[in-house]
């Protein structure tokens, strides 16, 4: 595939600056500040979108952009290794998604580890999904997530199926973290080719989230979950990522349980490059693929 000049420049920035910072900084406060600064400087602005707090769930922010013609809504679960991330870094992404899907996006500001390890985030995600289902109706909610948030989305799906609760209509995931218990081959083989994530950062986030609990719990590592009866799922992943094998393994695990899965693979795009929607054609195309899948 041909990679745009803008994407190449952002890849260089990720490799030279972001990856070392994520690897070396151990303080959650400093990591969060660094991520916010990066978003302020490099992310596109969402000037025409509306961001509104949800009255019955203080952790949810409703994002509206463009004409809202489609029925239902999207619940977005963000990444950041369970220890960083927030709406400040996702304003452009969620606004673009809301416009492309023609429906509101609800961004969940779930509590972060290490201050709030498992099960706080998944409990908040379940509460948010339940509230949105009550508002929009059963089967009308889609779920999206990236990285740790993608894994959280799958963990939530496993829980909903186990409880025989109402399910989302579809899921779209960017490079989900699906296995906190085992390091698959790409975790080592791609440590140089991955321009953003280092093994040290991922291990640190995993340890903070699990807090000594069994990481094979499918509510922590959905690769060990049960998904019979799950809705359709799209997974986007790049072959250069250290988490690449987790996406491939998760897709195979879902297919073995008769789940309709679409695995979209790219080459040479760093982990969660979709954060730069509005800046690169690659990110814009990825959001278009996800939005089209969710509303189809």
Foldseek 3Di string as FASTA:
>chain_A
DDFDPLLVVVLVCQQPPQQVCLQPDLDLVVNQVVLLVCLVPFADDPVQKDWAADPVARQKIKIAEAAQDFAAEEEEFEDDLQRYDDVSLCVVVQRLLCRLLSHIYIYGNFDGFLVDAPPRRLVSVLVVVVVRCVVRHFQRYEYEYEAQRQLQVLLNLLVCVVVVHGAYQEYEYELYQQALPDQDPLLPVLQPLASHYHNSSNVSSSCSRCVPPDCLPCSNHVLNGANQPHHEYEYEYEPNESSRVVSVSSQVSCVVNVHHYHYHYHYRGHGPNLSRPVRGPVNSVSSNVRSVVNRD
